[in-house]
Amino acid sequence: MIQYIDGKQVRNMFVSGANNLKNHKDLVDKLNVFPVPDGDTGTNMSLTISCAIKELNKVEKDDIGQLGKALSKGSLMGARGNSGVILSQIIRGIAQSIDGKEMLTSMDIAKALKNGSDIAYKAVIKPVEGTILTVVRESSEYALKAAVLEEDIIEFMKLLVKEANNSLNRTPELLHALKEAGVVDSGGKGLVLVYEGMLKSLEGQFVESQEVQTSETSSVQVENKISTEDIKFQYCTEFILETDKISDVQMRDKMLKYGDSLVVVGDDGIIKVHVHTNTPGDVLQEALAFGQLLTIKIENMKLQHENKVIQDAKESEVEEQAVSEEPKEFGFIATSMGDGLAKIFKDFGVDHIIEGGQTMNPSTEDFMNAIDKMNANNIIILPNNSNIIMAANQAKDLSDKNIIVIPTKNVSQAFAALVNFDADLTLEENEANMLDALSTVKNGQVTYAVRNTVINDVEVKEGNIIGLGEGKLLSAGDDIDEITTQLVESLVDEDSAIITLFYGEDTSKEDAQALRDALEENFEDVDVELHYGGQPLYYYLISVE
């Protein structure tokens, strides 16, 4: 009988849970409601919790509070996709609840899970039942009752896992889309896998990682055509300060005098600072007056540039760009998949392109890195994917810069928003105009199915070409041009004036031009434009306005 667990056991539980999720992330990916080849819930959750474990591994002592703070910080910065952001909030709530404890009982674990559930619900503007939120809420509520009757932590965890699975199995009854597709919620499944991995650790069956995690971060593309002399501040300085004497806002104000590219993030007595400076010693001395330094990293950016070395590790990533003497009034960050789409965004004046989208959702830290490099008074972020909006907003909340997130769900909305931007207007006026523009454009995607299913009364077979319009699966068949034409017909109405096709990397220019010509004949009163998008997996992205 185990009535208490210590910090070492807590550490092992989280690592085992993370490994169990990573080992089964492909299974979670395949639970995506739509049978498209970009199901990524498992990948997003695995990458999120992997960042938490990476931060956990930096903590040498098995102190429960410190372990929790590391898990919280790592998952927060590494959060990807809606499921990853929600998972990071669950972990954050758990960390808050276990802070200051030397040992944990079954009731402590139950209360921590309930706090994780509460924090996660607060992070979502419109919580949807039948998702990971339901699974964490129902399992944590059950855990509070089970902990009263079961002091043995192993037996308690068995009950928790059983209830979490029961809750997961009920998700199709709460979400029609899940029931129609014949799957359970993918995010909920990911959470259950974490719970199951934790239980295995307690039972002496610690789950080892079965594969090497690949590509933990999408890259931020920035111009690197500068000379060493253009680097105004030589040392990239990062540290984590443990303190109860100063807030993150106060620390930010003290750091402003030392350089630029300042980012200060605070969480429960821990402040992380990133600054480019010529006097790193003075920076550290200033910080030491308020507490102890947990980590320190100083990199000579001039030397790095001379040697053409760019670190891959996220905390040491240094991508050089010329810094203007005067900041721009407006700067833009957009996510994009495909070199063609990235070029179009650049032509629209977007400053930073974050690679990612359907196949690899950028993390909160990816956005923070891009924000850090922006020399602008106002920053506008275009996520261009519904699964990226939460990570973008989380980065906005962590940054002290003046940022708005335009909740663009696709590139069609992004281009419409950019067309309606006016540099002579205020940020607030532009935000209103760009938000209004989102409703003026319809979008569609043409891709292929990765499994058999029935959605919206449309029967889909693995390998079929499928058309999705306005987030709904509308057609399925064997011919790309036929499905694309059907999709366009469903999107065009009497008010439509322009059809824009962005053809992907698997579509030839000749085929795309032939389809454009055919659409011009079918829609004589509508202009048909064709652009190379270069996006993977999707034969065509379609915009109708």
Protein backbone atom coordinates (compact mmCIF):
# COMPACT_ATOMS: atom_id res chain seq x y z
CA MET A 1 0.00 0.00 0.00
CA ILE A 2 1.33 3.42 -1.01
CA GLN A 3 -0.23 6.32 0.89
CA TYR A 4 2.34 8.95 -0.08
CA ILE A 5 4.52 9.71 -3.08
CA ASP A 6 7.60 11.93 -3.06
CA GLY A 7 9.21 14.19 -5.63
CA LYS A 8 11.13 11.38 -7.33
CA GLN A 9 7.92 9.44 -7.86
CA VAL A 10 6.16 12.56 -9.17
CA ARG A 11 9.01 13.10 -11.63
CA ASN A 12 8.83 9.49 -12.83
CA MET A 13 5.05 9.62 -13.17
CA PHE A 14 5.16 12.62 -15.50
CA VAL A 15 8.03 11.23 -17.59
CA SER A 16 6.30 7.87 -17.90
CA GLY A 17 3.02 9.59 -18.83
CA ALA A 18 4.76 11.74 -21.45
CA ASN A 19 6.50 8.70 -22.94
CA ASN A 20 3.25 6.76 -23.10
CA LEU A 21 1.62 9.61 -25.01
CA LYS A 22 4.60 9.94 -27.34
CA ASN A 23 4.62 6.20 -28.06
CA HIS A 24 0.96 6.34 -29.09
CA LYS A 25 0.78 9.79 -30.68
CA ASP A 26 0.13 8.33 -34.16
CA LEU A 27 -2.95 6.57 -32.78
CA VAL A 28 -4.21 9.86 -31.32
CA ASP A 29 -3.51 11.64 -34.62
CA LYS A 30 -5.70 9.13 -36.46
CA LEU A 31 -8.67 9.95 -34.22
CA ASN A 32 -9.09 13.27 -36.03
CA VAL A 33 -12.78 13.74 -36.92
CA PHE A 34 -12.11 14.68 -40.53
CA PRO A 35 -10.29 11.99 -42.55
CA VAL A 36 -7.66 14.49 -43.75
CA PRO A 37 -3.91 13.68 -43.74
CA ASP A 38 -3.06 16.38 -41.20
CA GLY A 39 -4.50 14.97 -37.99
CA ASP A 40 -2.08 16.29 -35.42
CA THR A 41 -3.65 16.23 -31.96
CA GLY A 42 -1.34 13.48 -30.73
CA THR A 43 1.71 15.20 -32.20
CA ASN A 44 0.75 18.55 -30.67
CA MET A 45 0.12 17.10 -27.22
CA SER A 46 3.27 15.00 -27.33
CA LEU A 47 5.46 17.95 -28.35
CA THR A 48 3.85 20.08 -25.64
CA ILE A 49 4.47 17.63 -22.81
CA SER A 50 7.95 16.83 -24.21
CA CYS A 51 8.86 20.49 -23.69
CA ALA A 52 7.57 20.17 -20.13
CA ILE A 53 9.78 17.13 -19.54
CA LYS A 54 12.79 18.89 -21.06
CA GLU A 55 12.33 21.69 -18.52
CA LEU A 56 11.74 19.11 -15.77
CA ASN A 57 15.08 17.48 -16.53
CA LYS A 58 16.84 20.75 -15.73
CA VAL A 59 15.69 20.51 -12.09
CA GLU A 60 18.28 18.53 -10.14
CA LYS A 61 16.44 18.21 -6.82
CA ASP A 62 13.29 16.14 -6.46
CA ASP A 63 11.42 19.04 -4.89
CA ILE A 64 7.73 18.73 -5.76
CA GLY A 65 7.14 22.47 -6.00
CA GLN A 66 10.16 23.06 -8.25
CA LEU A 67 9.23 20.09 -10.41
CA GLY A 68 5.72 21.47 -10.83
CA LYS A 69 6.99 24.93 -11.78
CA ALA A 70 9.34 23.43 -14.37
CA LEU A 71 6.53 21.35 -15.87
CA SER A 72 4.27 24.40 -15.97
CA LYS A 73 6.83 26.64 -17.63
CA GLY A 74 7.95 24.03 -20.15
CA SER A 75 4.43 23.10 -21.24
CA LEU A 76 3.40 26.75 -21.39
CA MET A 77 6.18 27.72 -23.81
CA GLY A 78 5.98 24.49 -25.79
CA ALA A 79 2.20 24.45 -26.20
CA ARG A 80 1.03 23.66 -29.73
CA GLY A 81 -2.46 23.52 -31.12
CA ASN A 82 -5.65 23.82 -29.10
CA SER A 83 -5.11 20.45 -27.43
CA GLY A 84 -1.54 21.35 -26.47
CA VAL A 85 -2.56 24.71 -25.02
CA ILE A 86 -5.31 23.05 -22.98
CA LEU A 87 -2.87 20.38 -21.78
CA SER A 88 -0.43 23.12 -20.73
CA GLN A 89 -3.17 24.74 -18.66
CA ILE A 90 -4.04 21.43 -17.00
CA ILE A 91 -0.38 21.01 -16.05
CA ARG A 92 -0.25 24.61 -14.85
CA GLY A 93 -3.22 24.00 -12.55
CA ILE A 94 -1.65 20.79 -11.20
CA ALA A 95 1.61 22.65 -10.53
CA GLN A 96 -0.18 25.39 -8.62
CA SER A 97 -1.96 22.88 -6.43
CA ILE A 98 1.11 20.78 -5.47
CA ASP A 99 3.41 23.74 -4.83
CA GLY A 100 4.90 23.70 -1.35
CA LYS A 101 4.13 20.04 -0.64
CA GLU A 102 6.82 17.53 0.35
CA MET A 103 4.63 14.47 -0.20
CA LEU A 104 1.39 13.83 -2.06
CA THR A 105 -1.62 11.79 -0.97
CA SER A 106 -4.40 10.52 -3.20
CA MET A 107 -6.47 13.52 -2.10
CA ASP A 108 -3.61 15.88 -3.03
CA ILE A 109 -3.52 14.34 -6.51
CA ALA A 110 -7.29 14.60 -6.84
CA LYS A 111 -7.29 18.27 -5.83
CA ALA A 112 -4.43 18.97 -8.25
CA LEU A 113 -6.32 17.37 -11.13
CA LYS A 114 -9.45 19.35 -10.25
CA ASN A 115 -7.45 22.59 -10.20
CA GLY A 116 -5.97 21.61 -13.57
CA SER A 117 -9.48 21.15 -14.91
CA ASP A 118 -10.62 24.51 -13.54
CA ILE A 119 -7.64 26.39 -15.01
CA ALA A 120 -8.11 24.71 -18.40
CA TYR A 121 -11.79 25.65 -18.55
CA LYS A 122 -10.95 29.26 -17.74
CA ALA A 123 -8.45 29.36 -20.63
CA VAL A 124 -11.09 28.46 -23.21
CA ILE A 125 -13.55 31.20 -24.15
CA LYS A 126 -16.29 28.79 -25.26
CA PRO A 127 -15.63 25.36 -23.74
CA VAL A 128 -16.98 22.48 -25.82
CA GLU A 129 -18.11 19.31 -24.09
CA GLY A 130 -17.11 15.98 -25.57
CA THR A 131 -13.47 17.04 -25.67
CA ILE A 132 -10.37 16.79 -23.48
CA LEU A 133 -12.06 19.34 -21.22
CA THR A 134 -14.87 16.92 -20.46
CA VAL A 135 -12.47 14.07 -19.75
CA VAL A 136 -10.33 16.10 -17.35
CA ARG A 137 -13.40 17.56 -15.59
CA GLU A 138 -15.33 14.32 -15.15
CA SER A 139 -12.27 12.31 -14.14
CA SER A 140 -11.11 14.97 -11.63
CA GLU A 141 -14.58 15.28 -10.09
CA TYR A 142 -14.67 11.50 -9.71
CA ALA A 143 -11.13 11.57 -8.27
CA LEU A 144 -12.21 13.84 -5.42
CA LYS A 145 -14.84 11.27 -4.40
CA ALA A 146 -12.53 8.29 -4.91
CA ALA A 147 -9.76 9.85 -2.80
CA VAL A 148 -12.06 9.97 0.21
CA LEU A 149 -12.50 6.19 0.08
CA GLU A 150 -9.13 5.07 -1.29
CA GLU A 151 -5.86 6.09 0.36
CA ASP A 152 -3.75 3.64 -1.61
CA ILE A 153 -2.44 5.80 -4.44
CA ILE A 154 -2.04 2.90 -6.88
CA GLU A 155 -5.63 1.79 -6.36
CA PHE A 156 -6.74 5.42 -6.54
CA MET A 157 -4.94 5.87 -9.88
CA LYS A 158 -6.56 2.67 -11.20
CA LEU A 159 -9.95 4.17 -10.40
CA LEU A 160 -8.95 7.47 -12.04
CA VAL A 161 -7.80 5.75 -15.24
CA LYS A 162 -10.99 3.67 -15.39
CA GLU A 163 -13.19 6.75 -15.02
CA ALA A 164 -11.13 8.74 -17.52
CA ASN A 165 -11.63 5.95 -20.06
CA ASN A 166 -15.36 5.87 -19.28
CA SER A 167 -15.54 9.62 -19.82
CA LEU A 168 -13.58 9.27 -23.06
CA ASN A 169 -15.98 6.59 -24.32
CA ARG A 170 -18.91 8.92 -23.63
CA THR A 171 -17.50 11.76 -25.77
CA PRO A 172 -19.25 10.60 -28.98
CA GLU A 173 -22.58 11.02 -27.21
CA LEU A 174 -21.73 14.66 -26.51
CA LEU A 175 -20.33 15.61 -29.92
CA HIS A 176 -22.30 14.57 -33.00
CA ALA A 177 -19.23 14.87 -35.21
CA LEU A 178 -17.42 12.24 -33.14
CA LYS A 179 -20.38 9.87 -33.23
CA GLU A 180 -20.81 10.30 -36.98
CA ALA A 181 -17.11 9.65 -37.60
CA GLY A 182 -17.10 6.66 -35.23
CA VAL A 183 -14.25 7.93 -33.04
CA VAL A 184 -13.66 9.17 -29.51
CA ASP A 185 -12.15 12.59 -28.84
CA SER A 186 -8.49 12.68 -29.75
CA GLY A 187 -7.47 15.18 -27.05
CA GLY A 188 -9.27 13.15 -24.40
CA LYS A 189 -7.47 10.03 -25.59
CA GLY A 190 -4.14 11.82 -25.27
CA LEU A 191 -4.92 12.76 -21.67
CA VAL A 192 -5.94 9.18 -20.83
CA LEU A 193 -2.62 7.95 -22.23
CA VAL A 194 -0.80 10.32 -19.87
CA TYR A 195 -2.82 9.02 -16.92
CA GLU A 196 -2.13 5.41 -17.93
CA GLY A 197 1.59 6.09 -18.20
CA MET A 198 1.55 7.63 -14.73
CA LEU A 199 -0.15 4.56 -13.30
CA LYS A 200 2.36 2.22 -14.94
CA SER A 201 5.18 4.14 -13.29
CA LEU A 202 3.65 3.65 -9.85
CA GLU A 203 3.16 -0.05 -10.57
CA GLY A 204 6.83 -0.47 -11.37
CA GLN A 205 6.28 -0.63 -15.14
CA PHE A 206 7.87 2.70 -16.09
CA VAL A 207 7.13 3.50 -19.76
CA GLU A 208 10.27 4.08 -21.82
CA SER A 209 10.27 6.19 -24.93
CA GLN A 210 10.15 4.00 -28.03
CA GLU A 211 11.30 6.60 -30.52
CA VAL A 212 13.34 9.73 -30.87
CA GLN A 213 11.18 12.84 -30.95
CA THR A 214 11.59 14.59 -34.26
CA SER A 215 11.19 18.22 -35.19
CA GLU A 216 10.13 19.71 -31.91
CA THR A 217 9.82 23.17 -33.31
CA SER A 218 8.85 24.84 -36.50
CA SER A 219 11.33 27.41 -37.65
CA VAL A 220 10.80 31.11 -37.78
CA GLN A 221 12.01 32.45 -41.11
CA VAL A 222 13.84 35.75 -40.83
CA GLU A 223 16.23 37.61 -43.06
CA ASN A 224 19.83 36.82 -42.15
CA LYS A 225 21.63 39.01 -44.69
CA ILE A 226 23.45 41.30 -42.26
CA SER A 227 27.04 41.96 -41.41
CA THR A 228 28.54 41.40 -38.02
CA GLU A 229 28.86 45.15 -37.53
CA ASP A 230 25.09 45.54 -37.75
CA ILE A 231 24.62 43.74 -34.46
CA LYS A 232 23.97 46.53 -31.98
CA PHE A 233 23.91 44.40 -28.82
CA GLN A 234 26.45 41.58 -28.76
CA TYR A 235 25.30 39.17 -26.05
CA CYS A 236 22.07 37.19 -26.01
CA THR A 237 21.47 36.85 -22.27
CA GLU A 238 18.86 34.60 -20.69
CA PHE A 239 18.27 33.66 -17.09
CA ILE A 240 15.59 32.33 -14.78
CA LEU A 241 15.26 34.15 -11.46
CA GLU A 242 13.62 32.71 -8.37
CA THR A 243 12.25 35.62 -6.36
CA ASP A 244 9.48 36.87 -4.12
CA LYS A 245 10.81 40.45 -4.10
CA ILE A 246 9.90 41.68 -7.55
CA SER A 247 7.19 41.11 -10.16
CA ASP A 248 7.79 40.31 -13.81
CA VAL A 249 6.49 43.78 -14.76
CA GLN A 250 8.92 45.47 -12.36
CA MET A 251 11.79 43.31 -13.64
CA ARG A 252 10.91 44.24 -17.21
CA ASP A 253 11.14 47.94 -16.33
CA LYS A 254 14.58 47.42 -14.77
CA MET A 255 15.86 45.52 -17.81
CA LEU A 256 14.79 48.09 -20.38
CA LYS A 257 17.98 50.14 -19.93
CA TYR A 258 20.33 47.27 -20.77
CA GLY A 259 19.49 46.52 -24.40
CA ASP A 260 16.74 45.35 -26.72
CA SER A 261 14.80 42.22 -27.72
CA LEU A 262 13.53 42.10 -24.15
CA VAL A 263 11.10 39.38 -23.11
CA VAL A 264 10.12 38.91 -19.47
CA VAL A 265 7.77 36.09 -18.43
CA GLY A 266 6.67 35.50 -14.84
CA ASP A 267 4.95 32.57 -13.16
CA ASP A 268 4.61 31.84 -9.43
CA GLY A 269 7.84 33.33 -8.11
CA ILE A 270 9.83 32.42 -11.23
CA ILE A 271 10.80 35.09 -13.76
CA LYS A 272 12.41 34.28 -17.09
CA VAL A 273 14.30 37.09 -18.79
CA HIS A 274 15.68 37.28 -22.32
CA VAL A 275 17.61 40.39 -23.41
CA HIS A 276 20.21 41.37 -25.99
CA THR A 277 22.83 43.49 -24.24
CA ASN A 278 26.46 44.59 -24.27
CA THR A 279 26.76 44.28 -20.48
CA PRO A 280 25.54 40.83 -19.41
CA GLY A 281 27.43 41.08 -16.12
CA ASP A 282 25.46 44.18 -15.14
CA VAL A 283 22.22 42.46 -16.11
CA LEU A 284 22.93 39.46 -13.88
CA GLN A 285 24.13 41.65 -11.01
CA GLU A 286 20.86 43.59 -11.17
CA ALA A 287 18.85 40.39 -11.03
CA LEU A 288 20.84 38.94 -8.14
CA ALA A 289 19.67 41.78 -5.92
CA PHE A 290 16.18 40.25 -5.97
CA GLY A 291 16.78 36.52 -5.66
CA GLN A 292 18.78 33.54 -6.89
CA LEU A 293 19.53 32.61 -10.50
CA LEU A 294 18.37 29.12 -11.41
CA THR A 295 19.77 29.11 -14.95
CA ILE A 296 22.05 31.40 -16.93
CA LYS A 297 22.85 31.42 -20.62
CA ILE A 298 24.99 34.02 -22.41
CA GLU A 299 25.81 33.76 -26.12
CA ASN A 300 28.07 35.95 -28.22
CA MET A 301 25.90 36.74 -31.23
CA LYS A 302 28.73 38.41 -33.16
CA LEU A 303 30.84 35.30 -32.83
CA GLN A 304 27.92 33.13 -33.80
CA HIS A 305 27.32 35.25 -36.87
CA GLU A 306 30.95 35.19 -37.89
CA ASN A 307 30.99 31.39 -37.62
CA LYS A 308 27.56 31.12 -39.26
CA VAL A 309 26.28 29.07 -36.34
CA ILE A 310 22.61 29.16 -35.41
CA GLN A 311 21.68 27.12 -32.39
CA ASP A 312 18.81 24.65 -32.81
CA ALA A 313 17.80 24.51 -29.16
CA LYS A 314 14.76 26.69 -28.65
CA GLU A 315 16.12 28.61 -25.68
CA SER A 316 19.35 29.38 -27.52
CA GLU A 317 17.88 30.11 -30.91
CA VAL A 318 19.46 33.29 -32.23
CA GLU A 319 18.38 34.40 -35.67
CA GLU A 320 19.93 37.69 -36.56
CA GLN A 321 18.13 40.55 -38.25
CA ALA A 322 18.97 44.17 -38.72
CA VAL A 323 17.38 46.33 -36.07
CA SER A 324 16.07 49.67 -37.23
CA GLU A 325 16.96 52.72 -35.21
CA GLU A 326 13.28 53.61 -35.09
CA PRO A 327 10.59 50.94 -34.69
CA LYS A 328 7.95 50.49 -37.35
CA GLU A 329 4.45 51.55 -36.38
CA PHE A 330 2.99 48.17 -37.44
CA GLY A 331 4.57 44.77 -37.78
CA PHE A 332 3.00 41.51 -38.97
CA ILE A 333 3.55 37.87 -38.04
CA ALA A 334 1.80 35.11 -40.00
CA THR A 335 1.94 31.34 -40.11
CA SER A 336 2.17 29.75 -43.51
CA MET A 337 2.70 26.39 -45.15
CA GLY A 338 4.32 26.37 -48.57
CA ASP A 339 6.92 28.65 -50.14
CA GLY A 340 4.42 30.15 -52.56
CA LEU A 341 2.06 31.28 -49.82
CA ALA A 342 5.01 32.62 -47.81
CA LYS A 343 6.06 34.76 -50.78
CA ILE A 344 2.54 36.16 -51.14
CA PHE A 345 2.50 37.06 -47.44
CA LYS A 346 5.87 38.80 -47.87
CA ASP A 347 4.44 40.73 -50.82
CA PHE A 348 1.63 41.88 -48.53
CA GLY A 349 4.23 43.27 -46.12
CA VAL A 350 4.29 40.50 -43.51
CA ASP A 351 7.55 40.76 -41.57
CA HIS A 352 7.89 37.28 -40.09
CA ILE A 353 6.64 33.99 -41.45
CA ILE A 354 6.38 31.08 -39.03
CA GLU A 355 6.51 27.82 -40.90
CA GLY A 356 3.60 25.65 -39.91
CA GLY A 357 -0.08 25.15 -40.34
CA GLN A 358 -1.97 21.93 -40.96
CA THR A 359 0.97 19.58 -40.52
CA MET A 360 2.97 21.28 -37.77
CA ASN A 361 1.33 23.78 -35.49
CA PRO A 362 3.74 26.40 -34.13
CA SER A 363 4.25 26.52 -30.39
CA THR A 364 3.70 29.41 -28.02
CA GLU A 365 7.48 29.79 -27.90
CA ASP A 366 7.67 30.02 -31.70
CA PHE A 367 5.37 33.03 -31.50
CA MET A 368 7.34 34.46 -28.58
CA ASN A 369 10.57 34.18 -30.59
CA ALA A 370 8.97 35.98 -33.53
CA ILE A 371 7.53 38.68 -31.26
CA ASP A 372 10.93 39.10 -29.63
CA LYS A 373 12.51 39.92 -32.98
CA MET A 374 9.86 42.42 -34.06
CA ASN A 375 10.90 46.06 -33.94
CA ALA A 376 7.43 47.57 -34.13
CA ASN A 377 5.16 49.59 -31.86
CA ASN A 378 2.16 47.43 -32.75
CA ILE A 379 2.23 43.79 -33.75
CA ILE A 380 -0.54 42.00 -35.64
CA ILE A 381 -0.56 38.19 -35.63
CA LEU A 382 -2.39 36.13 -38.28
CA PRO A 383 -2.54 32.47 -37.11
CA ASN A 384 -4.30 31.24 -40.30
CA ASN A 385 -5.49 28.04 -38.66
CA SER A 386 -8.16 27.50 -36.01
CA ASN A 387 -5.80 25.14 -34.17
CA ILE A 388 -3.13 27.83 -33.84
CA ILE A 389 -5.21 30.71 -32.51
CA MET A 390 -4.93 29.64 -28.85
CA ALA A 391 -1.12 29.41 -29.01
CA ALA A 392 -0.97 32.87 -30.62
CA ASN A 393 -3.20 34.32 -27.91
CA GLN A 394 -1.14 32.63 -25.20
CA ALA A 395 1.99 34.29 -26.61
CA LYS A 396 0.16 37.62 -26.68
CA ASP A 397 -0.71 37.25 -22.99
CA LEU A 398 2.89 36.39 -22.09
CA SER A 399 4.40 39.34 -23.97
CA ASP A 400 4.46 42.91 -22.77
CA LYS A 401 4.34 44.27 -26.32
CA ASN A 402 1.26 45.81 -27.92
CA ILE A 403 -0.21 42.87 -29.81
CA ILE A 404 -3.51 41.92 -31.40
CA VAL A 405 -4.39 38.51 -32.78
CA ILE A 406 -6.73 38.49 -35.76
CA PRO A 407 -8.34 35.01 -35.48
CA THR A 408 -7.82 34.00 -39.11
CA LYS A 409 -8.62 30.33 -39.68
CA ASN A 410 -7.16 30.08 -43.19
CA VAL A 411 -5.05 31.99 -45.69
CA SER A 412 -8.15 33.30 -47.46
CA GLN A 413 -9.18 35.19 -44.35
CA ALA A 414 -5.59 36.36 -43.81
CA PHE A 415 -5.32 37.91 -47.27
CA ALA A 416 -8.74 39.54 -46.87
CA ALA A 417 -7.63 41.01 -43.54
CA LEU A 418 -4.36 42.30 -45.01
CA VAL A 419 -6.20 43.97 -47.91
CA ASN A 420 -8.29 45.86 -45.37
CA PHE A 421 -5.29 47.06 -43.34
CA ASP A 422 -4.64 50.82 -43.48
CA ALA A 423 -1.39 52.16 -42.00
CA ASP A 424 -2.99 55.58 -41.48
CA LEU A 425 -5.52 54.15 -39.01
CA THR A 426 -5.03 53.25 -35.35
CA LEU A 427 -4.45 49.71 -34.19
CA GLU A 428 -7.99 49.54 -32.82
CA GLU A 429 -9.49 50.79 -36.09
CA ASN A 430 -7.46 48.31 -38.09
CA GLU A 431 -8.47 45.49 -35.78
CA ALA A 432 -12.16 46.28 -36.33
CA ASN A 433 -11.75 46.50 -40.11
CA MET A 434 -9.70 43.32 -40.34
CA LEU A 435 -12.18 41.40 -38.19
CA ASP A 436 -15.03 42.58 -40.40
CA ALA A 437 -13.13 41.36 -43.46
CA LEU A 438 -13.08 37.77 -42.20
CA SER A 439 -16.77 37.31 -43.00
CA THR A 440 -16.41 38.54 -46.59
CA VAL A 441 -14.54 35.51 -47.85
CA LYS A 442 -15.39 31.80 -48.15
CA ASN A 443 -12.75 29.10 -48.20
CA GLY A 444 -12.31 25.53 -49.33
CA GLN A 445 -9.63 22.83 -49.35
CA VAL A 446 -9.09 19.82 -51.59
CA THR A 447 -7.07 16.92 -50.19
CA TYR A 448 -7.30 13.13 -49.82
CA ALA A 449 -8.85 10.88 -47.18
CA VAL A 450 -6.70 8.76 -44.88
CA ARG A 451 -9.51 6.50 -43.67
CA ASN A 452 -13.07 5.37 -44.32
CA THR A 453 -15.84 7.38 -42.68
CA VAL A 454 -19.24 9.01 -43.15
CA ILE A 455 -19.56 12.73 -42.41
CA ASN A 456 -22.46 15.02 -43.29
CA ASP A 457 -24.04 12.05 -45.10
CA VAL A 458 -21.01 11.94 -47.41
CA GLU A 459 -19.46 8.46 -47.62
CA VAL A 460 -15.69 8.65 -47.73
CA LYS A 461 -13.27 5.84 -48.59
CA GLU A 462 -9.57 5.83 -47.83
CA GLY A 463 -7.70 7.40 -50.75
CA ASN A 464 -10.70 9.42 -51.97
CA ILE A 465 -10.25 13.02 -53.05
CA ILE A 466 -12.32 15.13 -50.64
CA GLY A 467 -13.56 18.71 -50.70
CA LEU A 468 -14.01 20.73 -47.52
CA GLY A 469 -15.86 24.04 -47.61
CA GLU A 470 -16.23 26.40 -44.67
CA GLY A 471 -15.08 23.67 -42.31
CA LYS A 472 -17.53 21.04 -43.60
CA LEU A 473 -16.85 17.96 -45.69
CA LEU A 474 -18.95 18.47 -48.81
CA SER A 475 -17.84 15.96 -51.43
CA ALA A 476 -15.71 12.88 -52.07
CA GLY A 477 -14.64 11.08 -55.23
CA ASP A 478 -11.71 9.99 -57.37
CA ASP A 479 -11.03 13.02 -59.59
CA ILE A 480 -9.27 16.14 -58.28
CA ASP A 481 -10.70 18.52 -60.89
CA GLU A 482 -14.23 17.17 -60.41
CA ILE A 483 -14.16 17.51 -56.64
CA THR A 484 -12.58 20.97 -56.86
CA THR A 485 -15.24 22.13 -59.33
CA GLN A 486 -18.03 20.80 -57.10
CA LEU A 487 -16.49 22.57 -54.13
CA VAL A 488 -16.24 25.88 -55.98
CA GLU A 489 -19.87 25.54 -57.10
CA SER A 490 -20.95 25.12 -53.48
CA LEU A 491 -19.03 28.25 -52.41
CA VAL A 492 -20.00 30.63 -55.24
CA ASP A 493 -23.23 32.62 -54.97
CA GLU A 494 -24.75 35.58 -56.80
CA ASP A 495 -22.62 38.04 -54.86
CA SER A 496 -19.29 36.31 -55.61
CA ALA A 497 -16.83 38.33 -57.67
CA ILE A 498 -13.45 36.54 -57.39
CA ILE A 499 -12.38 32.90 -57.16
CA THR A 500 -8.75 32.38 -56.14
CA LEU A 501 -6.99 29.03 -56.43
CA PHE A 502 -3.71 28.30 -54.64
CA TYR A 503 -2.27 25.07 -56.01
CA GLY A 504 -0.07 22.87 -53.85
CA GLU A 505 3.26 21.13 -54.22
CA ASP A 506 1.63 17.94 -55.57
CA THR A 507 -0.26 19.77 -58.33
CA SER A 508 1.42 20.67 -61.62
CA LYS A 509 1.21 24.18 -63.04
CA GLU A 510 -0.27 22.78 -66.25
CA ASP A 511 -3.07 20.94 -64.41
CA ALA A 512 -3.83 24.01 -62.32
CA GLN A 513 -4.00 26.27 -65.38
CA ALA A 514 -6.32 23.82 -67.15
CA LEU A 515 -8.65 23.81 -64.14
CA ARG A 516 -8.56 27.60 -63.97
CA ASP A 517 -9.57 27.81 -67.66
CA ALA A 518 -12.44 25.37 -67.08
CA LEU A 519 -13.71 27.37 -64.10
CA GLU A 520 -13.57 30.57 -66.13
CA GLU A 521 -15.92 28.97 -68.67
CA ASN A 522 -18.27 27.73 -65.94
CA PHE A 523 -18.36 31.05 -64.08
CA GLU A 524 -18.39 33.71 -66.78
CA ASP A 525 -19.29 36.57 -64.43
CA VAL A 526 -16.61 35.75 -61.86
CA ASP A 527 -12.86 36.42 -62.11
CA VAL A 528 -10.71 33.33 -61.54
CA GLU A 529 -7.17 33.88 -60.24
CA LEU A 530 -4.45 31.26 -59.93
CA HIS A 531 -1.39 31.35 -57.67
CA TYR A 532 1.28 28.87 -56.68
CA GLY A 533 0.91 28.12 -52.96
CA GLY A 534 3.28 25.19 -52.63
CA GLN A 535 1.35 23.85 -49.64
CA PRO A 536 1.78 20.16 -48.75
CA LEU A 537 -1.09 17.65 -48.62
CA TYR A 538 -3.68 20.01 -50.11
CA TYR A 539 -4.04 20.00 -53.90
CA TYR A 540 -5.92 23.30 -53.81
CA LEU A 541 -6.79 26.00 -51.33
CA ILE A 542 -9.76 28.02 -52.54
CA SER A 543 -10.91 31.53 -51.74
CA VAL A 544 -14.24 32.98 -52.90
CA GLU A 545 -15.15 36.59 -52.25
